[in-house]
Amino acid sequence: MTGYRTIVAAAVLTVLGALQGLDWAQLIPNNPEVVGWVLTGIGAVMAVLRVVTKTPVGGQK
């Protein structure tokens, strides 16, 4: 079974984005308002990578 790691990583990133409401963004003192955009960008890149890979999620090698 392949392709599941990308989905797991995207889910973890999504949870971390949701946890931004816990004010962890202040860990980046110079520009905390950028954190949400960074997480959004990373999630979008991961989704694009999932689409362009050869095997479907859960498919065989």
N, C-alpha and C. Protein backbone atom coordinates (compact mmCIF):
# COMPACT_ATOMS: atom_id res chain seq x y z
N MET A 1 0.85 -1.18 0.00
CA MET A 1 0.00 0.00 0.00
C MET A 1 0.89 1.23 0.00
N THR A 2 0.71 2.10 -0.98
CA THR A 2 1.53 3.30 -1.08
C THR A 2 0.64 4.53 -1.13
N GLY A 3 1.24 5.67 -0.93
CA GLY A 3 0.52 6.93 -1.01
C GLY A 3 -0.10 7.41 0.29
N TYR A 4 -0.08 6.59 1.31
CA TYR A 4 -0.73 6.98 2.56
C TYR A 4 0.10 7.98 3.35
N ARG A 5 1.41 7.97 3.18
CA ARG A 5 2.25 8.88 3.96
C ARG A 5 1.95 10.34 3.64
N THR A 6 1.68 10.64 2.37
CA THR A 6 1.36 12.01 1.99
C THR A 6 0.07 12.46 2.66
N ILE A 7 -0.92 11.58 2.68
CA ILE A 7 -2.19 11.92 3.30
C ILE A 7 -2.02 12.12 4.80
N VAL A 8 -1.23 11.27 5.43
CA VAL A 8 -0.98 11.42 6.87
C VAL A 8 -0.27 12.75 7.14
N ALA A 9 0.74 13.07 6.33
CA ALA A 9 1.46 14.33 6.52
C ALA A 9 0.53 15.52 6.31
N ALA A 10 -0.34 15.46 5.30
CA ALA A 10 -1.28 16.55 5.06
C ALA A 10 -2.27 16.69 6.22
N ALA A 11 -2.72 15.57 6.77
CA ALA A 11 -3.65 15.61 7.91
C ALA A 11 -2.98 16.24 9.13
N VAL A 12 -1.72 15.86 9.37
CA VAL A 12 -0.98 16.43 10.50
C VAL A 12 -0.84 17.94 10.31
N LEU A 13 -0.52 18.35 9.10
CA LEU A 13 -0.36 19.77 8.82
C LEU A 13 -1.68 20.52 9.01
N THR A 14 -2.77 19.89 8.61
CA THR A 14 -4.09 20.49 8.79
C THR A 14 -4.39 20.70 10.27
N VAL A 15 -4.08 19.70 11.07
CA VAL A 15 -4.30 19.81 12.52
C VAL A 15 -3.44 20.93 13.09
N LEU A 16 -2.20 20.99 12.65
CA LEU A 16 -1.32 22.06 13.14
C LEU A 16 -1.86 23.43 12.75
N GLY A 17 -2.42 23.54 11.56
CA GLY A 17 -3.02 24.80 11.14
C GLY A 17 -4.20 25.18 12.03
N ALA A 18 -5.01 24.18 12.38
CA ALA A 18 -6.14 24.43 13.26
C ALA A 18 -5.68 24.84 14.65
N LEU A 19 -4.56 24.29 15.08
CA LEU A 19 -4.03 24.61 16.40
C LEU A 19 -3.44 26.02 16.48
N GLN A 20 -3.42 26.69 15.34
CA GLN A 20 -2.91 28.06 15.35
C GLN A 20 -3.76 28.92 16.29
N GLY A 21 -5.00 28.54 16.48
CA GLY A 21 -5.86 29.27 17.39
C GLY A 21 -5.37 29.24 18.82
N LEU A 22 -4.45 28.33 19.12
CA LEU A 22 -3.88 28.26 20.46
C LEU A 22 -2.73 29.25 20.65
N ASP A 23 -2.55 30.11 19.66
CA ASP A 23 -1.57 31.20 19.75
C ASP A 23 -0.12 30.73 19.71
N TRP A 24 0.12 29.57 19.10
CA TRP A 24 1.50 29.11 18.96
C TRP A 24 2.25 29.94 17.94
N ALA A 25 1.53 30.74 17.16
CA ALA A 25 2.16 31.57 16.15
C ALA A 25 3.11 32.60 16.75
N GLN A 26 2.95 32.89 18.02
CA GLN A 26 3.84 33.85 18.65
C GLN A 26 5.25 33.30 18.84
N LEU A 27 5.44 32.04 18.50
CA LEU A 27 6.79 31.47 18.51
C LEU A 27 7.65 32.09 17.41
N ILE A 28 6.99 32.71 16.44
CA ILE A 28 7.70 33.42 15.38
C ILE A 28 7.56 34.91 15.67
N PRO A 29 8.49 35.47 16.43
CA PRO A 29 8.31 36.82 16.95
C PRO A 29 8.32 37.94 15.92
N ASN A 30 9.02 37.77 14.81
CA ASN A 30 9.16 38.88 13.87
C ASN A 30 7.91 39.11 13.02
N ASN A 31 7.19 38.05 12.67
CA ASN A 31 6.05 38.23 11.77
C ASN A 31 5.05 37.10 11.95
N PRO A 32 4.35 37.04 13.06
CA PRO A 32 3.44 35.91 13.33
C PRO A 32 2.24 35.82 12.39
N GLU A 33 1.84 36.91 11.75
CA GLU A 33 0.68 36.83 10.87
C GLU A 33 0.97 36.04 9.59
N VAL A 34 2.23 35.76 9.32
CA VAL A 34 2.62 35.01 8.13
C VAL A 34 2.42 33.50 8.32
N VAL A 35 2.34 33.04 9.56
CA VAL A 35 2.30 31.61 9.85
C VAL A 35 1.13 30.92 9.15
N GLY A 36 -0.04 31.48 9.19
CA GLY A 36 -1.20 30.87 8.54
C GLY A 36 -0.99 30.71 7.04
N TRP A 37 -0.40 31.72 6.42
CA TRP A 37 -0.14 31.65 4.99
C TRP A 37 0.91 30.58 4.68
N VAL A 38 1.90 30.45 5.53
CA VAL A 38 2.93 29.42 5.32
C VAL A 38 2.30 28.04 5.39
N LEU A 39 1.48 27.78 6.41
CA LEU A 39 0.83 26.48 6.53
C LEU A 39 -0.10 26.22 5.36
N THR A 40 -0.81 27.23 4.89
CA THR A 40 -1.67 27.07 3.74
C THR A 40 -0.86 26.70 2.50
N GLY A 41 0.25 27.36 2.32
CA GLY A 41 1.12 27.07 1.17
C GLY A 41 1.68 25.66 1.21
N ILE A 42 2.11 25.23 2.38
CA ILE A 42 2.65 23.88 2.51
C ILE A 42 1.57 22.85 2.22
N GLY A 43 0.38 23.07 2.75
CA GLY A 43 -0.72 22.15 2.49
C GLY A 43 -1.07 22.09 1.01
N ALA A 44 -1.07 23.23 0.34
CA ALA A 44 -1.38 23.27 -1.10
C ALA A 44 -0.32 22.52 -1.90
N VAL A 45 0.94 22.72 -1.56
CA VAL A 45 2.02 22.00 -2.24
C VAL A 45 1.88 20.50 -2.04
N MET A 46 1.56 20.09 -0.84
CA MET A 46 1.39 18.66 -0.57
C MET A 46 0.23 18.09 -1.38
N ALA A 47 -0.86 18.83 -1.51
CA ALA A 47 -2.00 18.36 -2.29
C ALA A 47 -1.61 18.22 -3.76
N VAL A 48 -0.87 19.18 -4.30
CA VAL A 48 -0.42 19.11 -5.69
C VAL A 48 0.50 17.90 -5.88
N LEU A 49 1.41 17.69 -4.95
CA LEU A 49 2.31 16.54 -5.04
C LEU A 49 1.53 15.23 -5.02
N ARG A 50 0.48 15.17 -4.22
CA ARG A 50 -0.33 13.95 -4.17
C ARG A 50 -1.00 13.69 -5.51
N VAL A 51 -1.42 14.76 -6.19
CA VAL A 51 -2.10 14.61 -7.47
C VAL A 51 -1.13 14.16 -8.57
N VAL A 52 0.10 14.63 -8.53
CA VAL A 52 1.04 14.32 -9.62
C VAL A 52 1.84 13.05 -9.40
N THR A 53 1.69 12.38 -8.28
CA THR A 53 2.41 11.13 -8.08
C THR A 53 1.76 10.01 -8.89
N LYS A 54 2.53 8.93 -9.11
CA LYS A 54 2.07 7.86 -9.98
C LYS A 54 1.03 6.93 -9.37
N THR A 55 1.15 6.63 -8.10
CA THR A 55 0.24 5.64 -7.51
C THR A 55 -0.89 6.33 -6.76
N PRO A 56 -2.08 5.76 -6.82
CA PRO A 56 -3.18 6.33 -6.05
C PRO A 56 -2.99 6.05 -4.56
N VAL A 57 -3.67 6.79 -3.74
CA VAL A 57 -3.59 6.56 -2.30
C VAL A 57 -4.05 5.13 -2.01
N GLY A 58 -3.20 4.38 -1.32
CA GLY A 58 -3.53 3.01 -0.98
C GLY A 58 -3.29 2.02 -2.10
N GLY A 59 -2.76 2.48 -3.24
CA GLY A 59 -2.54 1.57 -4.37
C GLY A 59 -1.32 0.69 -4.18
N GLN A 60 -1.21 -0.29 -5.05
CA GLN A 60 -0.06 -1.20 -5.01
C GLN A 60 1.10 -0.60 -5.80
N LYS A 61 2.31 -1.01 -5.45
CA LYS A 61 3.51 -0.51 -6.16
C LYS A 61 3.55 -1.03 -7.58
